[in-house]
Amino acid sequence: MQARMKNPVFVLPEAMQALLALGKASSKGLPAKTIQLVHLRASQINGCGVCVDMHARELKAHGETDVRLFGVAAWRDTPFFTEAERAALALTEEGTRICDRGEPVSDEVWAEAAKHYDEQQLAALVLNIAQINLWNRVNVMSKSVALGRAWTADDMKAAG
């Protein structure tokens, strides 16, 4: 597999800076594992190999178990996730698959998320879902290639 082009965020480094700043600002108030689960699930839906690989590795680094990692794609049918994580994953799926239904994000899914997250956390969750979808689309369109390992400073230099 070969990339079509350098990743656009390396071609336009100001975009990378802006996205990193958004990621930092939108991570406040949510557990790191929840953010990574959201990123992994959206990336699975969008078929972004780079992000699936990266976020699975980040979850492992945060101490996530293989059982839960393997269960993310079928979270509804496994007992491995908390009610709050299930609400975040449901919101992620509906927020990612916005064209698949008449009402992209149902009131029921929103209300369940609102039971577990306050307004600031919901804002962070919405921004994280939107941001990972942006990253997925950038990587999929440019055919960015998963490395099968953590990125290094040399990888970043080579990509940019």
Protein backbone atom coordinates (compact mmCIF):
# COMPACT_ATOMS: atom_id res chain seq x y z
CA MET A 1 0.00 0.00 0.00
CA GLN A 2 1.28 3.42 -0.90
CA ALA A 3 0.03 6.84 0.15
CA ARG A 4 -1.39 9.11 -2.56
CA MET A 5 0.39 12.11 -1.10
CA LYS A 6 1.99 13.36 2.07
CA ASN A 7 -0.59 13.67 4.75
CA PRO A 8 -2.23 17.07 4.19
CA VAL A 9 -1.45 18.19 7.75
CA PHE A 10 2.25 17.90 6.91
CA VAL A 11 1.75 19.84 3.68
CA LEU A 12 -0.10 22.56 5.62
CA PRO A 13 1.56 22.50 9.08
CA GLU A 14 -0.70 25.26 10.41
CA ALA A 15 -3.58 22.78 10.05
CA MET A 16 -1.68 20.25 12.17
CA GLN A 17 -1.11 22.88 14.86
CA ALA A 18 -4.79 23.81 14.85
CA LEU A 19 -5.93 20.19 15.07
CA LEU A 20 -3.50 19.43 17.90
CA ALA A 21 -4.77 22.51 19.76
CA LEU A 22 -8.38 21.38 19.27
CA GLY A 23 -7.48 17.91 20.53
CA LYS A 24 -5.88 19.37 23.64
CA ALA A 25 -8.77 21.75 24.33
CA SER A 26 -11.42 19.07 23.82
CA SER A 27 -9.79 16.45 26.03
CA LYS A 28 -10.58 18.22 29.29
CA GLY A 29 -13.09 16.55 31.56
CA LEU A 30 -13.31 13.20 29.78
CA PRO A 31 -11.40 10.07 30.79
CA ALA A 32 -8.52 9.37 28.39
CA LYS A 33 -9.81 5.83 27.84
CA THR A 34 -13.24 7.12 26.83
CA ILE A 35 -11.68 9.49 24.29
CA GLN A 36 -9.56 6.69 22.86
CA LEU A 37 -12.54 4.28 22.70
CA VAL A 38 -14.49 6.95 20.80
CA HIS A 39 -11.56 7.48 18.43
CA LEU A 40 -11.13 3.75 17.86
CA ARG A 41 -14.83 3.12 17.18
CA ALA A 42 -15.22 5.99 14.71
CA SER A 43 -12.01 4.91 12.98
CA GLN A 44 -13.32 1.34 12.66
CA ILE A 45 -16.55 2.62 11.09
CA ASN A 46 -14.65 4.89 8.69
CA GLY A 47 -12.08 2.26 7.71
CA CYS A 48 -9.10 4.38 8.75
CA GLY A 49 -6.25 1.92 9.22
CA VAL A 50 -3.85 4.57 10.52
CA CYS A 51 -6.25 5.63 13.27
CA VAL A 52 -7.42 2.12 14.17
CA ASP A 53 -3.79 1.11 14.63
CA MET A 54 -2.82 4.27 16.52
CA HIS A 55 -5.79 4.39 18.90
CA ALA A 56 -5.62 0.67 19.69
CA ARG A 57 -1.95 1.18 20.61
CA GLU A 58 -2.81 4.25 22.70
CA LEU A 59 -5.50 2.30 24.54
CA LYS A 60 -2.97 -0.46 25.27
CA ALA A 61 -0.55 2.17 26.58
CA HIS A 62 -3.31 3.39 28.94
CA GLY A 63 -3.60 -0.16 30.29
CA GLU A 64 -6.59 -1.27 28.23
CA THR A 65 -7.17 -5.03 28.08
CA ASP A 66 -7.18 -7.08 24.90
CA VAL A 67 -10.69 -8.29 25.74
CA ARG A 68 -12.06 -4.74 25.64
CA LEU A 69 -9.98 -3.76 22.59
CA PHE A 70 -11.26 -6.75 20.65
CA GLY A 71 -14.80 -5.99 21.80
CA VAL A 72 -15.02 -2.36 20.66
CA ALA A 73 -16.41 -3.22 17.22
CA ALA A 74 -19.18 -5.29 18.87
CA TRP A 75 -19.60 -3.28 22.07
CA ARG A 76 -23.38 -3.75 22.16
CA ASP A 77 -22.95 -7.52 22.34
CA THR A 78 -20.27 -7.65 25.03
CA PRO A 79 -20.37 -7.01 28.79
CA PHE A 80 -17.00 -5.24 28.85
CA PHE A 81 -18.03 -1.58 28.83
CA THR A 82 -19.55 0.71 31.45
CA GLU A 83 -22.90 2.39 30.86
CA ALA A 84 -21.10 5.73 30.36
CA GLU A 85 -18.75 4.18 27.78
CA ARG A 86 -21.72 2.57 26.01
CA ALA A 87 -23.44 5.97 25.84
CA ALA A 88 -20.26 7.52 24.38
CA LEU A 89 -19.90 4.70 21.83
CA ALA A 90 -23.57 5.01 20.78
CA LEU A 91 -23.17 8.77 20.32
CA THR A 92 -19.97 8.13 18.36
CA GLU A 93 -21.71 5.74 16.01
CA GLU A 94 -24.65 8.04 15.35
CA GLY A 95 -22.41 11.10 15.07
CA THR A 96 -20.21 9.26 12.57
CA ARG A 97 -22.98 7.69 10.50
CA ILE A 98 -24.97 10.89 10.11
CA CYS A 99 -26.36 10.07 6.67
CA ASP A 100 -27.58 6.57 7.60
CA ARG A 101 -30.82 7.63 9.25
CA GLY A 102 -33.57 10.24 9.18
CA GLU A 103 -32.53 11.73 12.49
CA PRO A 104 -28.72 11.52 12.53
CA VAL A 105 -28.37 11.63 16.32
CA SER A 106 -31.51 10.41 18.03
CA ASP A 107 -32.92 12.11 21.09
CA GLU A 108 -32.70 8.75 22.87
CA VAL A 109 -28.95 8.39 22.28
CA TRP A 110 -28.36 12.03 23.23
CA ALA A 111 -30.41 11.68 26.42
CA GLU A 112 -28.48 8.56 27.43
CA ALA A 113 -25.18 10.38 26.91
CA ALA A 114 -26.51 13.34 28.92
CA LYS A 115 -27.23 10.99 31.85
CA HIS A 116 -23.53 10.18 32.10
CA TYR A 117 -21.81 13.39 31.01
CA ASP A 118 -22.32 17.01 32.04
CA GLU A 119 -22.48 19.84 29.49
CA GLN A 120 -18.71 20.39 29.38
CA GLN A 121 -18.08 16.66 28.96
CA LEU A 122 -20.75 16.42 26.25
CA ALA A 123 -19.11 19.33 24.43
CA ALA A 124 -15.76 17.55 24.66
CA LEU A 125 -17.34 14.31 23.44
CA VAL A 126 -19.00 16.00 20.46
CA LEU A 127 -15.74 17.76 19.52
CA ASN A 128 -13.77 14.52 19.84
CA ILE A 129 -16.24 12.66 17.62
CA ALA A 130 -16.09 15.44 15.02
CA GLN A 131 -12.30 15.66 15.17
CA ILE A 132 -11.66 11.93 14.77
CA ASN A 133 -14.01 11.90 11.80
CA LEU A 134 -11.94 14.72 10.26
CA TRP A 135 -8.68 12.80 10.88
CA ASN A 136 -10.23 9.63 9.42
CA ARG A 137 -11.28 11.42 6.27
CA VAL A 138 -7.90 13.08 5.80
CA ASN A 139 -6.10 9.75 6.21
CA VAL A 140 -8.52 7.75 4.04
CA MET A 141 -8.52 10.28 1.18
CA SER A 142 -4.73 10.58 1.13
CA LYS A 143 -4.32 6.81 1.67
CA SER A 144 -2.08 7.31 4.70
CA VAL A 145 -0.47 4.01 5.66
CA ALA A 146 -0.56 2.47 9.12
CA LEU A 147 2.92 1.71 10.42
CA GLY A 148 2.02 -1.20 12.67
CA ARG A 149 3.95 0.48 15.47
CA ALA A 150 4.06 3.78 17.31
CA TRP A 151 5.10 6.82 15.27
CA THR A 152 8.58 8.18 15.97
CA ALA A 153 10.07 11.63 15.42
CA ASP A 154 11.81 10.22 12.32
CA ASP A 155 8.47 9.01 10.94
CA MET A 156 7.03 12.51 11.41
CA LYS A 157 9.99 14.06 9.59
CA ALA A 158 9.68 11.58 6.72
CA ALA A 159 5.94 12.19 6.43
CA GLY A 160 6.35 15.95 6.45
